[in-house]
Amino acid sequence: MYKKQENKYINMMGGVNPVAKREAFNSAHNGEIGYIKWILDNNYNVNEEELTSRATLLHYAAHHGHDNIVKLLIKHNANVNAKDVRGYTPLYTASVNGHTSTASLLIDHGAHIHEDPPKTNPLYGSTIQGHQATSLMLVERGAWPLMLLQRL
């Protein structure tokens, strides 16, 4: 019932089995764009969430600054404002990890710069982690510096 290709398994009916789903998240984490391309070409739901964290492939790619995967996922209509179980968006995860180009790319494609997960926001997260370039870019792109004072 599963087709083997590149040592990955996809349900012949078009659904993604749990092994393939886990591999998709591992590939987004590790920056392995080949498998991501392949699984999207085989009707994988680009906004599929992990069961417990509710994170998407875009969260994983943004967290690790994999711009090439972020672009591919956006091209396949990934939700740039998806929230995981903690309320974090891909923009927040990119910002807090200092991935300036990834955060800018997400904003270019409609990510809400003023998104306010519980107790934090992208500008506060990047600033508190010492990512000055990311913080400056967020302010230049419209984040309100007052957002920092609200959290301090």
Protein backbone atom coordinates (compact mmCIF):
# COMPACT_ATOMS: atom_id res chain seq x y z
CA MET A 1 0.00 0.00 0.00
CA TYR A 2 3.03 2.31 0.24
CA LYS A 3 5.30 3.33 -2.57
CA LYS A 4 9.00 3.40 -1.78
CA GLN A 5 11.00 6.19 -3.36
CA GLU A 6 14.28 7.58 -2.06
CA ASN A 7 13.74 5.39 1.04
CA LYS A 8 10.60 7.36 1.93
CA TYR A 9 7.05 6.04 2.06
CA ILE A 10 3.88 7.64 0.83
CA ASN A 11 0.47 6.05 0.90
CA MET A 12 -0.57 5.15 -2.65
CA MET A 13 -3.99 6.69 -1.87
CA GLY A 14 -2.32 10.10 -1.52
CA GLY A 15 -2.19 10.29 2.28
CA VAL A 16 1.03 10.68 4.22
CA ASN A 17 1.88 7.93 6.65
CA PRO A 18 3.40 8.75 10.06
CA VAL A 19 6.92 7.77 8.97
CA ALA A 20 6.78 10.11 5.98
CA LYS A 21 5.33 12.88 8.15
CA ARG A 22 8.14 12.54 10.71
CA GLU A 23 10.68 12.53 7.88
CA ALA A 24 9.15 15.74 6.50
CA PHE A 25 9.62 17.49 9.86
CA ASN A 26 13.17 16.12 10.18
CA SER A 27 13.96 17.39 6.68
CA ALA A 28 12.62 20.88 7.47
CA HIS A 29 14.70 20.87 10.67
CA ASN A 30 17.88 19.72 8.90
CA GLY A 31 17.49 21.84 5.76
CA GLU A 32 17.04 18.88 3.42
CA ILE A 33 15.03 20.50 0.64
CA GLY A 34 14.99 17.47 -1.68
CA TYR A 35 12.59 15.47 0.46
CA ILE A 36 10.43 18.54 1.11
CA LYS A 37 10.11 19.10 -2.67
CA TRP A 38 9.28 15.46 -3.23
CA ILE A 39 6.64 15.22 -0.53
CA LEU A 40 4.95 18.46 -1.64
CA ASP A 41 4.84 17.09 -5.19
CA ASN A 42 3.04 14.06 -3.73
CA ASN A 43 0.17 16.09 -2.26
CA TYR A 44 1.50 16.56 1.27
CA ASN A 45 -0.52 19.16 3.18
CA VAL A 46 1.93 22.05 3.54
CA ASN A 47 0.13 23.18 6.71
CA GLU A 48 0.15 19.76 8.39
CA GLU A 49 0.80 20.15 12.11
CA GLU A 50 2.75 18.00 14.51
CA LEU A 51 0.38 16.25 16.86
CA THR A 52 1.63 17.63 20.18
CA SER A 53 3.32 20.95 19.32
CA ARG A 54 1.02 21.94 16.44
CA ALA A 55 4.15 23.30 14.73
CA THR A 56 4.23 23.23 10.94
CA LEU A 57 7.08 22.59 8.53
CA LEU A 58 7.36 26.36 8.21
CA HIS A 59 7.95 26.68 11.96
CA TYR A 60 10.80 24.16 11.70
CA ALA A 61 12.41 25.73 8.64
CA ALA A 62 12.09 29.26 10.08
CA HIS A 63 13.48 28.17 13.47
CA HIS A 64 16.67 26.98 11.75
CA GLY A 65 16.92 29.75 9.14
CA HIS A 66 16.48 27.53 6.09
CA ASP A 67 15.44 30.27 3.67
CA ASN A 68 15.32 27.94 0.67
CA ILE A 69 12.78 25.69 2.41
CA VAL A 70 10.81 28.68 3.72
CA LYS A 71 10.51 30.00 0.15
CA LEU A 72 9.40 26.60 -1.14
CA LEU A 73 6.78 26.19 1.58
CA ILE A 74 5.44 29.71 0.98
CA LYS A 75 5.26 28.95 -2.75
CA HIS A 76 3.04 25.99 -1.81
CA ASN A 77 0.77 28.28 0.27
CA ALA A 78 2.12 27.63 3.75
CA ASN A 79 0.36 29.73 6.39
CA VAL A 80 2.98 32.30 7.44
CA ASN A 81 0.90 33.16 10.51
CA ALA A 82 0.31 29.63 11.77
CA LYS A 83 0.57 29.32 15.55
CA ASP A 84 1.95 26.39 17.45
CA VAL A 85 0.57 25.25 20.80
CA ARG A 86 2.45 28.07 22.59
CA GLY A 87 1.11 30.69 20.18
CA TYR A 88 4.46 31.12 18.41
CA THR A 89 4.48 31.95 14.72
CA PRO A 90 7.24 31.15 12.20
CA LEU A 91 8.23 34.85 12.37
CA TYR A 92 8.67 34.62 16.12
CA THR A 93 10.78 31.47 15.88
CA ALA A 94 12.99 32.99 13.16
CA SER A 95 13.37 36.24 15.11
CA VAL A 96 14.20 34.73 18.48
CA ASN A 97 16.91 32.63 16.81
CA GLY A 98 18.45 35.58 14.97
CA HIS A 99 17.58 34.51 11.44
CA THR A 100 17.21 38.01 10.02
CA SER A 101 16.83 37.04 6.36
CA THR A 102 14.23 34.39 7.23
CA ALA A 103 12.24 36.84 9.35
CA SER A 104 12.37 39.43 6.56
CA LEU A 105 11.23 36.84 4.01
CA LEU A 106 8.26 35.92 6.20
CA ILE A 107 7.28 39.59 6.58
CA ASP A 108 7.56 40.02 2.80
CA HIS A 109 4.95 37.27 2.48
CA GLY A 110 2.44 38.60 4.98
CA ALA A 111 3.67 37.52 8.42
CA HIS A 112 2.14 39.76 11.09
CA ILE A 113 4.98 41.71 12.65
CA HIS A 114 2.86 42.71 15.66
CA GLU A 115 1.71 39.19 16.42
CA ASP A 116 1.74 38.87 20.17
CA PRO A 117 2.05 35.34 21.54
CA PRO A 118 1.51 35.07 25.28
CA LYS A 119 4.13 37.15 27.10
CA THR A 120 6.34 37.89 24.08
CA ASN A 121 6.58 39.09 20.46
CA PRO A 122 9.16 38.84 17.64
CA LEU A 123 10.92 42.12 18.53
CA TYR A 124 11.13 41.31 22.23
CA GLY A 125 12.32 37.76 21.51
CA SER A 126 15.11 38.84 19.17
CA THR A 127 16.21 41.68 21.47
CA ILE A 128 16.29 39.61 24.65
CA GLN A 129 18.37 36.98 22.82
CA GLY A 130 20.86 39.65 21.69
CA HIS A 131 20.12 39.47 17.97
CA GLN A 132 20.67 43.14 17.19
CA ALA A 133 20.52 42.83 13.40
CA THR A 134 17.18 41.02 13.58
CA SER A 135 15.79 43.53 16.08
CA LEU A 136 16.86 46.45 13.91
CA MET A 137 15.32 44.87 10.81
CA LEU A 138 12.03 44.32 12.69
CA VAL A 139 11.93 47.98 13.76
CA GLU A 140 12.79 49.11 10.22
CA ARG A 141 9.97 46.91 8.91
CA GLY A 142 7.45 48.44 11.32
CA ALA A 143 7.69 46.73 14.71
CA TRP A 144 6.94 49.20 17.45
CA PRO A 145 9.89 49.70 19.85
CA LEU A 146 7.23 50.31 22.51
CA MET A 147 6.60 46.57 22.30
CA LEU A 148 9.87 46.13 24.19
CA LEU A 149 8.82 48.38 27.05
CA GLN A 150 5.58 46.49 27.46
CA ARG A 151 7.56 43.35 28.26
CA LEU A 152 10.39 44.74 30.41
